[in-house]
C-alpha atoms as a PDB file:
ATOM      1  CA  MET A   1       0.000   0.000   0.000  1.00  0.00           C
ATOM      2  CA  GLY A   2       1.326   3.446  -0.875  1.00  0.00           C
ATOM      3  CA  ARG A   3       1.881   6.303   1.531  1.00  0.00           C
ATOM      4  CA  LEU A   4      -1.522   7.881   0.801  1.00  0.00           C
ATOM      5  CA  GLY A   5      -3.246   4.559   1.344  1.00  0.00           C
ATOM      6  CA  GLU A   6      -1.462   4.107   4.666  1.00  0.00           C
ATOM      7  CA  GLN A   7      -2.472   7.605   5.782  1.00  0.00           C
ATOM      8  CA  ALA A   8      -6.102   6.964   4.836  1.00  0.00           C
ATOM      9  CA  ALA A   9      -6.078   3.653   6.720  1.00  0.00           C
ATOM     10  CA  HIS A  10      -4.562   5.364   9.780  1.00  0.00           C
ATOM     11  CA  ARG A  11      -7.253   8.075   9.710  1.00  0.00           C
ATOM     12  CA  GLN A  12      -9.952   5.413   9.420  1.00  0.00           C
ATOM     13  CA  ARG A  13      -8.548   3.512  12.428  1.00  0.00           C
ATOM     14  CA  LEU A  14      -8.424   6.748  14.457  1.00  0.00           C
ATOM     15  CA  ARG A  15     -11.994   7.594  13.473  1.00  0.00           C
ATOM     16  CA  GLU A  16     -13.225   4.145  14.482  1.00  0.00           C
ATOM     17  CA  TRP A  17     -11.305   4.383  17.762  1.00  0.00           C
ATOM     18  CA  LEU A  18     -12.830   7.803  18.456  1.00  0.00           C
ATOM     19  CA  GLN A  19     -16.364   6.786  17.531  1.00  0.00           C
ATOM     20  CA  GLY A  20     -16.066   3.758  19.814  1.00  0.00           C
ATOM     21  CA  ARG A  21     -15.508   6.079  22.779  1.00  0.00           C
ATOM     22  CA  LEU A  22     -18.412   8.438  22.109  1.00  0.00           C
ATOM     23  CA  PRO A  23     -22.152   8.016  22.618  1.00  0.00           C
ATOM     24  CA  ALA A  24     -23.732   6.724  19.383  1.00  0.00           C
ATOM     25  CA  GLU A  25     -25.618   9.973  18.713  1.00  0.00           C
ATOM     26  CA  LEU A  26     -22.404  11.990  18.972  1.00  0.00           C
ATOM     27  CA  ALA A  27     -20.234   9.446  17.154  1.00  0.00           C
ATOM     28  CA  ALA A  28     -22.557   9.656  14.141  1.00  0.00           C
ATOM     29  CA  GLN A  29     -21.740  13.372  13.823  1.00  0.00           C
ATOM     30  CA  VAL A  30     -17.998  12.835  13.368  1.00  0.00           C
ATOM     31  CA  THR A  31     -17.342  13.376   9.666  1.00  0.00           C
ATOM     32  CA  GLY A  32     -13.634  12.612   9.850  1.00  0.00           C
ATOM     33  CA  VAL A  33     -10.377  12.949  11.730  1.00  0.00           C
ATOM     34  CA  ALA A  34      -6.953  14.261  10.844  1.00  0.00           C
ATOM     35  CA  ALA A  35      -3.604  13.887  12.557  1.00  0.00           C
ATOM     36  CA  HIS A  36      -1.198  16.821  12.501  1.00  0.00           C
ATOM     37  CA  ALA A  37       2.035  16.333  14.474  1.00  0.00           C
ATOM     38  CA  ASP A  38       0.854  16.059  18.110  1.00  0.00           C
ATOM     39  CA  GLU A  39      -2.743  17.135  17.410  1.00  0.00           C
ATOM     40  CA  LEU A  40      -5.835  15.051  16.682  1.00  0.00           C
ATOM     41  CA  VAL A  41      -8.376  17.095  14.733  1.00  0.00           C
ATOM     42  CA  ILE A  42     -11.972  15.893  14.955  1.00  0.00           C
ATOM     43  CA  LEU A  43     -14.293  17.022  12.166  1.00  0.00           C
ATOM     44  CA  ALA A  44     -17.917  17.612  13.167  1.00  0.00           C
ATOM     45  CA  SER A  45     -20.995  17.733  10.934  1.00  0.00           C
ATOM     46  CA  SER A  46     -22.142  21.140  12.246  1.00  0.00           C
ATOM     47  CA  ALA A  47     -21.226  23.881  14.690  1.00  0.00           C
ATOM     48  CA  ALA A  48     -23.796  22.614  17.200  1.00  0.00           C
ATOM     49  CA  TRP A  49     -22.348  19.089  17.138  1.00  0.00           C
ATOM     50  CA  GLY A  50     -18.869  20.583  17.263  1.00  0.00           C
ATOM     51  CA  VAL A  51     -19.721  22.218  20.587  1.00  0.00           C
ATOM     52  CA  ARG A  52     -20.911  18.896  21.970  1.00  0.00           C
ATOM     53  CA  LEU A  53     -17.706  17.235  20.783  1.00  0.00           C
ATOM     54  CA  ARG A  54     -15.662  19.969  22.470  1.00  0.00           C
ATOM     55  CA  TYR A  55     -17.404  19.144  25.755  1.00  0.00           C
ATOM     56  CA  ALA A  56     -16.366  15.504  25.270  1.00  0.00           C
ATOM     57  CA  ALA A  57     -12.752  16.450  24.451  1.00  0.00           C
ATOM     58  CA  PRO A  58     -11.357  16.318  28.030  1.00  0.00           C
ATOM     59  CA  ASP A  59     -12.419  12.679  28.409  1.00  0.00           C
ATOM     60  CA  LEU A  60     -11.052  11.928  24.954  1.00  0.00           C
ATOM     61  CA  ARG A  61      -7.698  13.501  25.855  1.00  0.00           C
ATOM     62  CA  GLU A  62      -7.426  11.166  28.825  1.00  0.00           C
ATOM     63  CA  ALA A  63      -8.120   8.103  26.649  1.00  0.00           C
ATOM     64  CA  LEU A  64      -5.753   9.413  23.977  1.00  0.00           C
ATOM     65  CA  GLY A  65      -2.994   9.724  26.539  1.00  0.00           C
ATOM     66  CA  ARG A  66      -3.343   6.034  27.348  1.00  0.00           C
ATOM     67  CA  GLU A  67      -3.872   4.613  23.858  1.00  0.00           C
ATOM     68  CA  HIS A  68      -2.413   7.213  21.475  1.00  0.00           C
ATOM     69  CA  PRO A  69       0.242   9.140  23.422  1.00  0.00           C
ATOM     70  CA  GLU A  70       1.520  10.764  20.234  1.00  0.00           C
ATOM     71  CA  PHE A  71      -1.373  13.245  20.487  1.00  0.00           C
ATOM     72  CA  ALA A  72      -1.042  16.006  23.069  1.00  0.00           C
ATOM     73  CA  ARG A  73      -4.004  18.072  21.830  1.00  0.00           C
ATOM     74  CA  VAL A  74      -7.535  17.541  20.574  1.00  0.00           C
ATOM     75  CA  THR A  75      -9.131  20.138  18.297  1.00  0.00           C
ATOM     76  CA  VAL A  76     -12.664  20.135  16.908  1.00  0.00           C
ATOM     77  CA  ARG A  77     -13.510  21.768  13.577  1.00  0.00           C
ATOM     78  CA  VAL A  78     -16.684  21.884  11.524  1.00  0.00           C
ATOM     79  CA  ALA A  79     -16.631  19.982   8.231  1.00  0.00           C
ATOM     80  CA  PRO A  80     -20.083  18.874   7.038  1.00  0.00           C
ATOM     81  CA  GLN A  81     -20.337  15.518   5.297  1.00  0.00           C
ATOM     82  CA  THR A  82     -20.392  15.891   1.519  1.00  0.00           C
ATOM     83  CA  GLY A  83     -22.107  13.688  -0.976  1.00  0.00           C
END
């Protein structure tokens, strides 16, 4: 698998990991994730869902520290699902 394929697979694993730690209603509003250096960026379907994800971020940071210590920060951005 090429570098782009590996990156896509890594993002998918992170998204599945994240969604497994959120309530189903909130997990369904995650449109994607991105990894930038020590930051995990969570993409939310709307600003309202983004706020709810931000409230969940402290608990996620704790779990990240245990399972994905490469991430020191969690950021939430709005990126509606396309298509």
